[in-house]
Structure formats: structure tokens, C-alpha cells
Amino acid sequence: MVISLVKQVRKERPLIHNMTNTVVMNFTANGLLAFGGSPIMANAKQEAPDVTRLSQGLLLNIGTLHEDQVQAMILAGKTANEIGIPVVLDPVGAPATTYRSEVCRKILDEVQPTVIKGNAGELAHLVGMEVETKGVDSTGKGDLISIVKEVSEEYGTGAVCTGEKDVGCIEGDVFINETGHPLLGQITGSGCLLGSLLAAGLSVAGDTSDKILATLNYYGQAAERAASRPDVEGPGTFLPRFIDSLAAEVEHAG
């Protein structure tokens, strides 16, 4: 499934509308291109719906919020729901401030995501469960299966909790991805990029659970291959090798 998904993404080159945070925009664009998708970033509310209509997937990432962007995200999300393209919501740092928490509620009141992707602390916060956090990062683990099940049921969506193991849930069915590498946690934006790749993977034909798991698996494999390179000495040398690995021929994927 991994090879067929990546080949299909590279054949179709889906245009993904990334409404994401300013810290990670360049990394997200380059990583999505390496995976096989095509990035576009438009945060103005005056054009967000029109850009979404041109796209095959939408990422809503609340990493660096401002009110105009929130309004644009809601307009884009509603448009995505109308035309039937996948929406990935990344509630970055949702437990960190009251404002972030309120924004998540506002988006979820008006937009139906295909998948909510976040760390344990972010997802737990959306359903009133407690997991220790520090800033926008989760420092606790919690019962990941219970967390994704609760999020999926409460919001009628897929849920993916990222971490040492990625745990997902679609309509009560739980799946686990064990690929990955600790160096992903030492570079800024690895989770944000994953949200964009999930939107690309979800844009092609196939079973939703299969597409999510295949994307997670390929992403983790790419990290493992990059980290195993003899010239990788830490996060600084890992990052460009990771982009290269995402762009590798998919025959190298398991």
C-alpha cells in the first residue's frame, strides 16, 4: 500500500492548500514537493476560498495564529467541505493558551475535518482529557488509544496521534505505525509537514485508514533512511537528508 499510495500521489501531483504557520512554510513546501504533491499557501480571507477550490486537499495548522487567518481558515474549510476535498486540522499548541483552545472550538464548530492530527496533549485537550504539555509540545503520553478513539467519536473524524508510535482511529478502528526516528523530534516542523503529506495522501483514491497508515509509514521510513546515512551527525545534517529521502524512488519503501 505504501508504494502504490506514493506512486499515485506522484502521478496526480495534488495541489495542497497549506494554511500553516510562518515558522514552517518553506520546510512544508519543500517536503511536500519531495513527497510528490504541489504546495500552495494563501492565508488572506479574500482569496482563501478561491484557492481551496483549485486544490485537492487542505491543511489547517494553527501554529502562528492571528484573527484574519482564523477567519480565512474557516472560509477555506467550509469551501473544502462543499467541494468534497480532504481537510487535515493540526491543532498546534491547543492547550497552551485560552485563545488557541477557543480557535480550535470555533473551527470545529464550522468545519468538518477528515483527520485531526496532533500530539497526545493537543488531542487530549480537544476532548477534555489531561496530558502534560510544555508550550506547543506534549511531554506526557497518556492512553493514546483512548485519546484517538475519543477524538474520532466526538468530532466524527479520523484522529492521528503522533509520537514515538503513531496511533490513529477511523470509525472505531485503531491502527498503529511504528516507523520513525527520534531526530524528527529535534527539527522544527516535522509534525507540521506530516499534516501536509496526510492531506496529499488523502486526496487520492482508496480506503481512508489505508491511506493514512501508508503516509505515516512512508514518512517514518524516510526518517529512518535519512538518519542511517553515514554523513548524518545530528539534526542539522539530518534535515536535508530527510527531504532527499522523502523524494527517493518508492521501490525503496517497504
Protein backbone atom coordinates (compact mmCIF):
# COMPACT_ATOMS: atom_id res chain seq x y z
CA MET A 1 0.00 0.00 0.00
CA VAL A 2 2.88 2.39 0.76
CA ILE A 3 4.39 2.11 -2.71
CA SER A 4 1.05 2.35 -4.52
CA LEU A 5 -0.01 5.41 -2.50
CA VAL A 6 3.20 7.34 -3.14
CA LYS A 7 3.15 6.40 -6.83
CA GLN A 8 -0.43 7.63 -7.10
CA VAL A 9 0.39 10.91 -5.36
CA ARG A 10 3.34 11.43 -7.70
CA LYS A 11 1.19 10.65 -10.71
CA GLU A 12 -1.59 13.05 -9.74
CA ARG A 13 0.60 15.78 -8.14
CA PRO A 14 -2.27 17.03 -5.94
CA LEU A 15 -2.32 20.73 -5.18
CA ILE A 16 -2.47 21.11 -1.39
CA HIS A 17 -3.59 24.38 0.14
CA ASN A 18 -1.39 24.79 3.22
CA MET A 19 -2.81 27.29 5.68
CA THR A 20 0.03 26.80 8.08
CA ASN A 21 2.33 28.62 10.44
CA THR A 22 5.05 31.00 9.36
CA VAL A 23 7.80 29.03 11.10
CA VAL A 24 7.44 26.00 8.81
CA MET A 25 6.17 27.24 5.46
CA ASN A 26 9.39 26.70 3.49
CA PHE A 27 10.06 23.29 5.04
CA THR A 28 6.46 22.23 4.39
CA ALA A 29 6.60 23.33 0.76
CA ASN A 30 9.89 21.52 0.10
CA GLY A 31 8.82 18.36 1.95
CA LEU A 32 5.50 18.18 0.11
CA LEU A 33 7.26 18.63 -3.22
CA ALA A 34 9.66 15.84 -2.31
CA PHE A 35 6.75 13.55 -1.41
CA GLY A 36 5.07 14.23 -4.73
CA GLY A 37 2.46 16.88 -4.04
CA SER A 38 2.30 20.51 -5.06
CA PRO A 39 2.14 23.24 -2.37
CA ILE A 40 0.24 26.49 -2.34
CA MET A 41 -0.02 28.86 0.62
CA ALA A 42 -2.73 31.51 0.82
CA ASN A 43 -3.87 32.98 4.14
CA ALA A 44 -5.85 36.03 3.05
CA LYS A 45 -9.56 35.61 3.67
CA GLN A 46 -10.27 37.42 0.41
CA GLU A 47 -8.77 34.56 -1.64
CA ALA A 48 -8.67 31.51 0.64
CA PRO A 49 -11.94 30.02 -0.67
CA ASP A 50 -10.91 30.51 -4.30
CA VAL A 51 -7.51 28.88 -3.72
CA THR A 52 -9.22 26.00 -1.95
CA ARG A 53 -11.48 25.44 -4.96
CA LEU A 54 -8.36 24.99 -7.08
CA SER A 55 -6.89 22.46 -4.63
CA GLN A 56 -7.19 18.75 -3.96
CA GLY A 57 -6.53 18.95 -0.21
CA LEU A 58 -6.47 21.49 2.64
CA LEU A 59 -4.27 21.73 5.74
CA LEU A 60 -5.35 23.95 8.63
CA ASN A 61 -2.43 24.42 11.04
CA ILE A 62 -2.90 26.93 13.88
CA GLY A 63 0.78 27.27 14.80
CA THR A 64 1.10 31.07 14.48
CA LEU A 65 -2.40 32.43 14.82
CA HIS A 66 -3.92 35.78 14.03
CA GLU A 67 -7.61 36.61 13.73
CA ASP A 68 -7.69 37.23 9.97
CA GLN A 69 -6.06 33.85 9.39
CA VAL A 70 -8.66 32.14 11.59
CA GLN A 71 -11.45 33.67 9.52
CA ALA A 72 -9.67 32.59 6.34
CA MET A 73 -9.27 29.05 7.66
CA ILE A 74 -12.98 28.77 8.39
CA LEU A 75 -13.88 30.08 4.93
CA ALA A 76 -11.42 27.68 3.30
CA GLY A 77 -12.60 24.77 5.44
CA LYS A 78 -16.23 25.36 4.55
CA THR A 79 -15.30 25.52 0.89
CA ALA A 80 -13.34 22.27 1.17
CA ASN A 81 -16.35 20.60 2.75
CA GLU A 82 -18.59 21.89 -0.03
CA ILE A 83 -16.42 20.56 -2.84
CA GLY A 84 -15.53 17.33 -1.04
CA ILE A 85 -11.74 17.53 -0.67
CA PRO A 86 -9.93 16.27 2.45
CA VAL A 87 -9.27 18.61 5.35
CA VAL A 88 -6.48 17.97 7.87
CA LEU A 89 -6.65 20.00 11.09
CA ASP A 90 -3.46 20.36 13.14
CA PRO A 91 -4.39 21.97 16.50
CA VAL A 92 -0.83 23.07 17.29
CA GLY A 93 -0.43 24.01 20.95
CA ALA A 94 -4.17 23.85 21.61
CA PRO A 95 -3.72 23.50 25.40
CA ALA A 96 -1.14 26.31 25.61
CA THR A 97 -3.50 29.31 25.68
CA THR A 98 -7.18 30.05 26.02
CA TYR A 99 -7.12 31.72 22.60
CA ARG A 100 -5.77 28.62 20.85
CA SER A 101 -8.32 26.45 22.56
CA GLU A 102 -11.15 28.78 21.52
CA VAL A 103 -9.91 28.87 17.93
CA CYS A 104 -9.95 25.08 17.75
CA ARG A 105 -13.52 25.02 19.00
CA LYS A 106 -14.53 27.70 16.53
CA ILE A 107 -13.01 25.84 13.58
CA LEU A 108 -14.50 22.52 14.66
CA ASP A 109 -17.94 24.13 15.06
CA GLU A 110 -17.91 25.23 11.42
CA VAL A 111 -15.60 22.86 9.53
CA GLN A 112 -15.71 19.07 9.29
CA PRO A 113 -12.15 17.77 9.15
CA THR A 114 -11.27 14.48 7.53
CA VAL A 115 -8.49 13.98 10.07
CA ILE A 116 -7.37 15.77 13.21
CA LYS A 117 -3.63 15.23 13.65
CA GLY A 118 -1.69 16.23 16.73
CA ASN A 119 0.40 15.11 19.66
CA ALA A 120 -1.10 13.47 22.74
CA GLY A 121 -1.50 16.73 24.64
CA GLU A 122 -3.22 18.53 21.78
CA LEU A 123 -5.69 15.77 21.01
CA ALA A 124 -6.43 15.04 24.66
CA HIS A 125 -7.22 18.72 25.23
CA LEU A 126 -9.87 18.66 22.50
CA VAL A 127 -11.84 16.03 24.44
CA GLY A 128 -11.18 17.28 27.98
CA MET A 129 -8.51 14.72 28.85
CA GLU A 130 -5.31 15.73 30.62
CA VAL A 131 -1.81 15.12 29.21
CA GLU A 132 1.19 17.17 30.33
CA THR A 133 2.38 19.77 27.81
CA LYS A 134 5.16 22.35 27.51
CA GLY A 135 4.42 25.20 25.11
CA VAL A 136 3.24 23.58 21.88
CA ASP A 137 4.87 20.21 22.71
CA SER A 138 3.45 17.25 24.54
CA THR A 139 5.63 15.94 27.37
CA GLY A 140 3.23 13.25 28.58
CA LYS A 141 1.89 10.16 26.85
CA GLY A 142 -1.49 9.20 28.30
CA ASP A 143 -3.58 6.36 26.91
CA LEU A 144 -3.12 7.06 23.20
CA ILE A 145 -5.73 4.57 22.01
CA SER A 146 -8.35 6.08 24.30
CA ILE A 147 -7.41 9.58 23.17
CA VAL A 148 -7.75 8.91 19.44
CA LYS A 149 -10.97 6.98 19.95
CA GLU A 150 -12.47 9.87 21.94
CA VAL A 151 -11.44 12.48 19.38
CA SER A 152 -12.68 10.40 16.46
CA GLU A 153 -16.04 9.75 18.11
CA GLU A 154 -16.67 13.26 19.43
CA TYR A 155 -15.86 15.03 16.16
CA GLY A 156 -16.91 12.35 13.66
CA THR A 157 -13.49 12.39 12.06
CA GLY A 158 -10.27 10.44 11.76
CA ALA A 159 -7.74 11.07 14.51
CA VAL A 160 -3.97 10.62 14.41
CA CYS A 161 -1.77 10.98 17.49
CA THR A 162 1.89 11.35 16.60
CA GLY A 163 4.78 10.37 18.81
CA GLU A 164 7.25 7.53 19.33
CA LYS A 165 4.48 5.42 17.80
CA ASP A 166 1.72 6.99 15.73
CA VAL A 167 -1.76 5.87 16.76
CA GLY A 168 -4.79 6.50 14.57
CA CYS A 169 -8.50 5.82 14.65
CA ILE A 170 -11.14 5.85 11.92
CA GLU A 171 -14.73 4.93 12.81
CA GLY A 172 -13.64 2.96 15.84
CA ASP A 173 -10.86 1.05 14.08
CA VAL A 174 -7.43 1.69 15.62
CA PHE A 175 -4.15 1.37 13.73
CA ILE A 176 -0.53 1.90 14.80
CA ASN A 177 2.55 2.98 12.86
CA GLU A 178 5.92 2.13 14.38
CA THR A 179 8.26 3.66 11.78
CA GLY A 180 10.15 6.85 12.54
CA HIS A 181 13.27 8.20 14.22
CA PRO A 182 13.96 10.40 17.29
CA LEU A 183 15.66 13.02 15.10
CA LEU A 184 12.22 14.01 13.80
CA GLY A 185 11.61 15.46 17.24
CA GLN A 186 14.74 17.61 17.01
CA ILE A 187 13.81 19.58 13.88
CA THR A 188 11.18 22.29 13.71
CA GLY A 189 8.08 21.48 11.71
CA SER A 190 8.28 17.72 11.28
CA GLY A 191 4.74 17.30 12.57
CA CYS A 192 3.50 20.24 10.54
CA LEU A 193 4.94 18.76 7.35
CA LEU A 194 3.29 15.43 8.14
CA GLY A 195 -0.08 17.19 8.16
CA SER A 196 0.53 18.42 4.62
CA LEU A 197 1.57 14.95 3.46
CA LEU A 198 -1.55 13.45 5.03
CA ALA A 199 -3.68 15.88 3.03
CA ALA A 200 -1.86 14.80 -0.14
CA GLY A 201 -2.22 11.11 0.67
CA LEU A 202 -5.91 11.51 1.44
CA SER A 203 -6.53 13.27 -1.87
CA VAL A 204 -6.05 10.11 -3.97
CA ALA A 205 -8.44 7.19 -4.27
CA GLY A 206 -8.53 4.45 -1.65
CA ASP A 207 -9.58 3.49 1.86
CA THR A 208 -9.06 6.32 4.35
CA SER A 209 -7.38 4.20 7.02
CA ASP A 210 -5.07 2.61 4.46
CA LYS A 211 -4.06 5.99 3.06
CA ILE A 212 -3.33 7.46 6.48
CA LEU A 213 -1.31 4.46 7.63
CA ALA A 214 0.63 4.32 4.35
CA THR A 215 1.53 8.01 4.61
CA LEU A 216 2.63 7.63 8.23
CA ASN A 217 4.65 4.55 7.34
CA TYR A 218 6.42 6.20 4.41
CA TYR A 219 7.18 9.32 6.44
CA GLY A 220 8.72 7.26 9.23
CA GLN A 221 10.70 5.13 6.79
CA ALA A 222 12.09 8.26 5.16
CA ALA A 223 13.29 9.46 8.56
CA GLU A 224 14.91 6.10 9.29
CA ARG A 225 16.73 6.05 5.94
CA ALA A 226 17.94 9.62 6.39
CA ALA A 227 19.17 9.01 9.93
CA SER A 228 21.11 5.93 8.82
CA ARG A 229 23.22 7.93 6.39
CA PRO A 230 26.90 7.99 7.45
CA ASP A 231 27.08 11.75 6.90
CA VAL A 232 24.23 12.49 9.32
CA GLU A 233 25.65 13.63 12.64
CA GLY A 234 22.62 15.31 14.18
CA PRO A 235 19.52 17.38 13.37
CA GLY A 236 21.38 19.87 11.16
CA THR A 237 22.66 17.22 8.76
CA PHE A 238 19.52 15.11 9.14
CA LEU A 239 17.10 17.72 7.81
CA PRO A 240 18.32 17.95 4.17
CA ARG A 241 18.84 14.17 4.05
CA PHE A 242 15.27 13.74 5.22
CA ILE A 243 13.99 15.84 2.31
CA ASP A 244 16.13 13.74 -0.03
CA SER A 245 14.73 10.57 1.49
CA LEU A 246 11.15 11.74 1.04
CA ALA A 247 11.94 12.21 -2.64
CA ALA A 248 13.55 8.77 -3.07
CA GLU A 249 12.25 6.21 -5.53
CA VAL A 250 9.37 4.42 -3.81
CA GLU A 251 10.78 1.00 -4.64
CA HIS A 252 12.93 1.67 -1.57
CA ALA A 253 9.80 1.79 0.63
CA GLY A 254 8.52 -1.24 2.48
